[in-house]
Amino acid sequence: MACPVSPPLSLLKGRRATTHWLTMEQLGQLGAEPVTERVVFDGKYVTAAGVSSGIDMGLALAGRLAGDETAQLIQLRIEYDPQPPYDAGSPAKAPAHIVGRLRA
């Protein structure tokens, strides 16, 4: 017998938040205010929009917690110097047919 499932308690309710563009609509369903920024700080919460923005988020947190120099040391240590071969990393920049294929 299945247990009834209640809606999840959302830690993001009423907060600005971001996520991967394909799941942005779900943030609103959780009561968050969806924004299309790569990294969003709202109070004690921080969210990121995808894989590389997760690295950006980690560096931003390191900067806030340990200072800019420490964050820069970390960035250099991991050799995070993004230079993507294509400029298609967001639906606003990618060709429409590529965005359509992912949405399908």
C-alpha atoms as a PDB file:
ATOM      1  CA  MET A   1       0.000   0.000   0.000  1.00  0.00           C
ATOM      2  CA  ALA A   2       1.460   3.323  -1.061  1.00  0.00           C
ATOM      3  CA  CYS A   3       1.779   6.134   1.435  1.00  0.00           C
ATOM      4  CA  PRO A   4       0.290   9.463   0.442  1.00  0.00           C
ATOM      5  CA  VAL A   5       2.990  11.950  -0.373  1.00  0.00           C
ATOM      6  CA  SER A   6       2.600  15.536   0.684  1.00  0.00           C
ATOM      7  CA  PRO A   7       4.273  18.379  -1.211  1.00  0.00           C
ATOM      8  CA  PRO A   8       7.893  18.798  -0.168  1.00  0.00           C
ATOM      9  CA  LEU A   9       8.742  21.519   2.297  1.00  0.00           C
ATOM     10  CA  SER A  10      10.713  23.940   0.198  1.00  0.00           C
ATOM     11  CA  LEU A  11      13.679  25.673   1.755  1.00  0.00           C
ATOM     12  CA  LEU A  12      13.555  28.041  -1.219  1.00  0.00           C
ATOM     13  CA  LYS A  13       9.961  29.221  -0.689  1.00  0.00           C
ATOM     14  CA  GLY A  14       9.860  32.983  -1.288  1.00  0.00           C
ATOM     15  CA  ARG A  15      13.561  33.118  -2.165  1.00  0.00           C
ATOM     16  CA  ARG A  16      15.308  34.000  -5.405  1.00  0.00           C
ATOM     17  CA  ALA A  17      16.912  30.888  -6.874  1.00  0.00           C
ATOM     18  CA  THR A  18      18.317  29.495 -10.094  1.00  0.00           C
ATOM     19  CA  THR A  19      18.747  26.054 -11.594  1.00  0.00           C
ATOM     20  CA  HIS A  20      19.380  24.371 -14.920  1.00  0.00           C
ATOM     21  CA  TRP A  21      17.202  26.036 -17.547  1.00  0.00           C
ATOM     22  CA  LEU A  22      15.264  22.859 -18.329  1.00  0.00           C
ATOM     23  CA  THR A  23      14.022  22.642 -14.729  1.00  0.00           C
ATOM     24  CA  MET A  24      13.510  26.350 -14.058  1.00  0.00           C
ATOM     25  CA  GLU A  25       9.721  26.000 -13.991  1.00  0.00           C
ATOM     26  CA  GLN A  26       9.974  23.550 -11.072  1.00  0.00           C
ATOM     27  CA  LEU A  27      11.488  26.261  -8.880  1.00  0.00           C
ATOM     28  CA  GLY A  28       8.254  28.210  -9.132  1.00  0.00           C
ATOM     29  CA  GLN A  29       6.306  25.089  -8.180  1.00  0.00           C
ATOM     30  CA  LEU A  30       8.432  24.909  -5.014  1.00  0.00           C
ATOM     31  CA  GLY A  31       7.549  28.501  -4.160  1.00  0.00           C
ATOM     32  CA  ALA A  32      10.885  30.001  -5.194  1.00  0.00           C
ATOM     33  CA  GLU A  33      11.293  33.073  -7.379  1.00  0.00           C
ATOM     34  CA  PRO A  34      13.121  31.702 -10.450  1.00  0.00           C
ATOM     35  CA  VAL A  35      15.876  33.904 -11.892  1.00  0.00           C
ATOM     36  CA  THR A  36      18.162  33.212 -14.832  1.00  0.00           C
ATOM     37  CA  GLU A  37      21.448  34.215 -13.197  1.00  0.00           C
ATOM     38  CA  ARG A  38      24.330  31.723 -13.052  1.00  0.00           C
ATOM     39  CA  VAL A  39      24.765  31.984  -9.271  1.00  0.00           C
ATOM     40  CA  VAL A  40      22.194  33.399  -6.866  1.00  0.00           C
ATOM     41  CA  PHE A  41      22.756  34.283  -3.218  1.00  0.00           C
ATOM     42  CA  ASP A  42      19.629  34.814  -1.114  1.00  0.00           C
ATOM     43  CA  GLY A  43      20.272  34.965   2.592  1.00  0.00           C
ATOM     44  CA  LYS A  44      22.026  31.801   3.720  1.00  0.00           C
ATOM     45  CA  TYR A  45      21.074  29.989   0.510  1.00  0.00           C
ATOM     46  CA  VAL A  46      23.006  29.825  -2.740  1.00  0.00           C
ATOM     47  CA  THR A  47      21.980  28.124  -5.964  1.00  0.00           C
ATOM     48  CA  ALA A  48      23.690  27.568  -9.304  1.00  0.00           C
ATOM     49  CA  ALA A  49      22.341  27.127 -12.815  1.00  0.00           C
ATOM     50  CA  GLY A  50      24.295  24.135 -14.096  1.00  0.00           C
ATOM     51  CA  VAL A  51      27.603  22.284 -14.152  1.00  0.00           C
ATOM     52  CA  SER A  52      30.087  25.089 -14.811  1.00  0.00           C
ATOM     53  CA  SER A  53      28.045  27.547 -12.770  1.00  0.00           C
ATOM     54  CA  GLY A  54      28.376  25.072  -9.895  1.00  0.00           C
ATOM     55  CA  ILE A  55      32.121  25.665 -10.063  1.00  0.00           C
ATOM     56  CA  ASP A  56      31.432  29.418 -10.171  1.00  0.00           C
ATOM     57  CA  MET A  57      29.247  29.013  -7.078  1.00  0.00           C
ATOM     58  CA  GLY A  58      31.989  27.141  -5.240  1.00  0.00           C
ATOM     59  CA  LEU A  59      34.524  29.844  -6.047  1.00  0.00           C
ATOM     60  CA  ALA A  60      32.093  32.593  -5.017  1.00  0.00           C
ATOM     61  CA  LEU A  61      31.475  30.825  -1.707  1.00  0.00           C
ATOM     62  CA  ALA A  62      35.212  30.383  -1.159  1.00  0.00           C
ATOM     63  CA  GLY A  63      35.670  34.099  -1.797  1.00  0.00           C
ATOM     64  CA  ARG A  64      32.978  35.038   0.703  1.00  0.00           C
ATOM     65  CA  LEU A  65      34.236  32.631   3.359  1.00  0.00           C
ATOM     66  CA  ALA A  66      38.003  32.822   2.939  1.00  0.00           C
ATOM     67  CA  GLY A  67      38.619  35.921   0.805  1.00  0.00           C
ATOM     68  CA  ASP A  68      39.204  36.671  -2.838  1.00  0.00           C
ATOM     69  CA  GLU A  69      42.848  35.595  -2.796  1.00  0.00           C
ATOM     70  CA  THR A  70      41.953  32.138  -1.493  1.00  0.00           C
ATOM     71  CA  ALA A  71      39.259  31.775  -4.152  1.00  0.00           C
ATOM     72  CA  GLN A  72      41.764  32.781  -6.820  1.00  0.00           C
ATOM     73  CA  LEU A  73      44.282  30.260  -5.470  1.00  0.00           C
ATOM     74  CA  ILE A  74      41.622  27.555  -5.714  1.00  0.00           C
ATOM     75  CA  GLN A  75      40.702  28.625  -9.239  1.00  0.00           C
ATOM     76  CA  LEU A  76      44.339  28.459 -10.310  1.00  0.00           C
ATOM     77  CA  ARG A  77      44.865  25.127  -8.516  1.00  0.00           C
ATOM     78  CA  ILE A  78      41.995  23.517 -10.418  1.00  0.00           C
ATOM     79  CA  GLU A  79      42.995  25.391 -13.587  1.00  0.00           C
ATOM     80  CA  TYR A  80      39.462  26.646 -14.082  1.00  0.00           C
ATOM     81  CA  ASP A  81      39.850  28.836 -17.156  1.00  0.00           C
ATOM     82  CA  PRO A  82      36.706  28.204 -19.198  1.00  0.00           C
ATOM     83  CA  GLN A  83      37.061  28.757 -22.899  1.00  0.00           C
ATOM     84  CA  PRO A  84      34.257  26.721 -24.444  1.00  0.00           C
ATOM     85  CA  PRO A  85      34.626  25.816 -28.114  1.00  0.00           C
ATOM     86  CA  TYR A  86      31.012  26.872 -28.775  1.00  0.00           C
ATOM     87  CA  ASP A  87      28.857  29.739 -27.546  1.00  0.00           C
ATOM     88  CA  ALA A  88      25.799  27.552 -26.997  1.00  0.00           C
ATOM     89  CA  GLY A  89      25.814  27.227 -23.213  1.00  0.00           C
ATOM     90  CA  SER A  90      22.425  28.802 -22.600  1.00  0.00           C
ATOM     91  CA  PRO A  91      19.102  28.743 -24.440  1.00  0.00           C
ATOM     92  CA  ALA A  92      19.514  32.446 -25.163  1.00  0.00           C
ATOM     93  CA  LYS A  93      22.749  31.781 -27.081  1.00  0.00           C
ATOM     94  CA  ALA A  94      22.273  28.313 -28.567  1.00  0.00           C
ATOM     95  CA  PRO A  95      20.753  27.849 -32.032  1.00  0.00           C
ATOM     96  CA  ALA A  96      16.983  27.459 -31.790  1.00  0.00           C
ATOM     97  CA  HIS A  97      16.995  23.972 -33.312  1.00  0.00           C
ATOM     98  CA  ILE A  98      19.480  22.768 -30.682  1.00  0.00           C
ATOM     99  CA  VAL A  99      17.327  24.181 -27.873  1.00  0.00           C
ATOM    100  CA  GLY A 100      14.296  22.519 -29.442  1.00  0.00           C
ATOM    101  CA  ARG A 101      16.006  19.137 -29.543  1.00  0.00           C
ATOM    102  CA  LEU A 102      16.743  19.306 -25.816  1.00  0.00           C
ATOM    103  CA  ARG A 103      13.228  20.424 -24.967  1.00  0.00           C
ATOM    104  CA  ALA A 104      11.717  17.542 -26.974  1.00  0.00           C
END
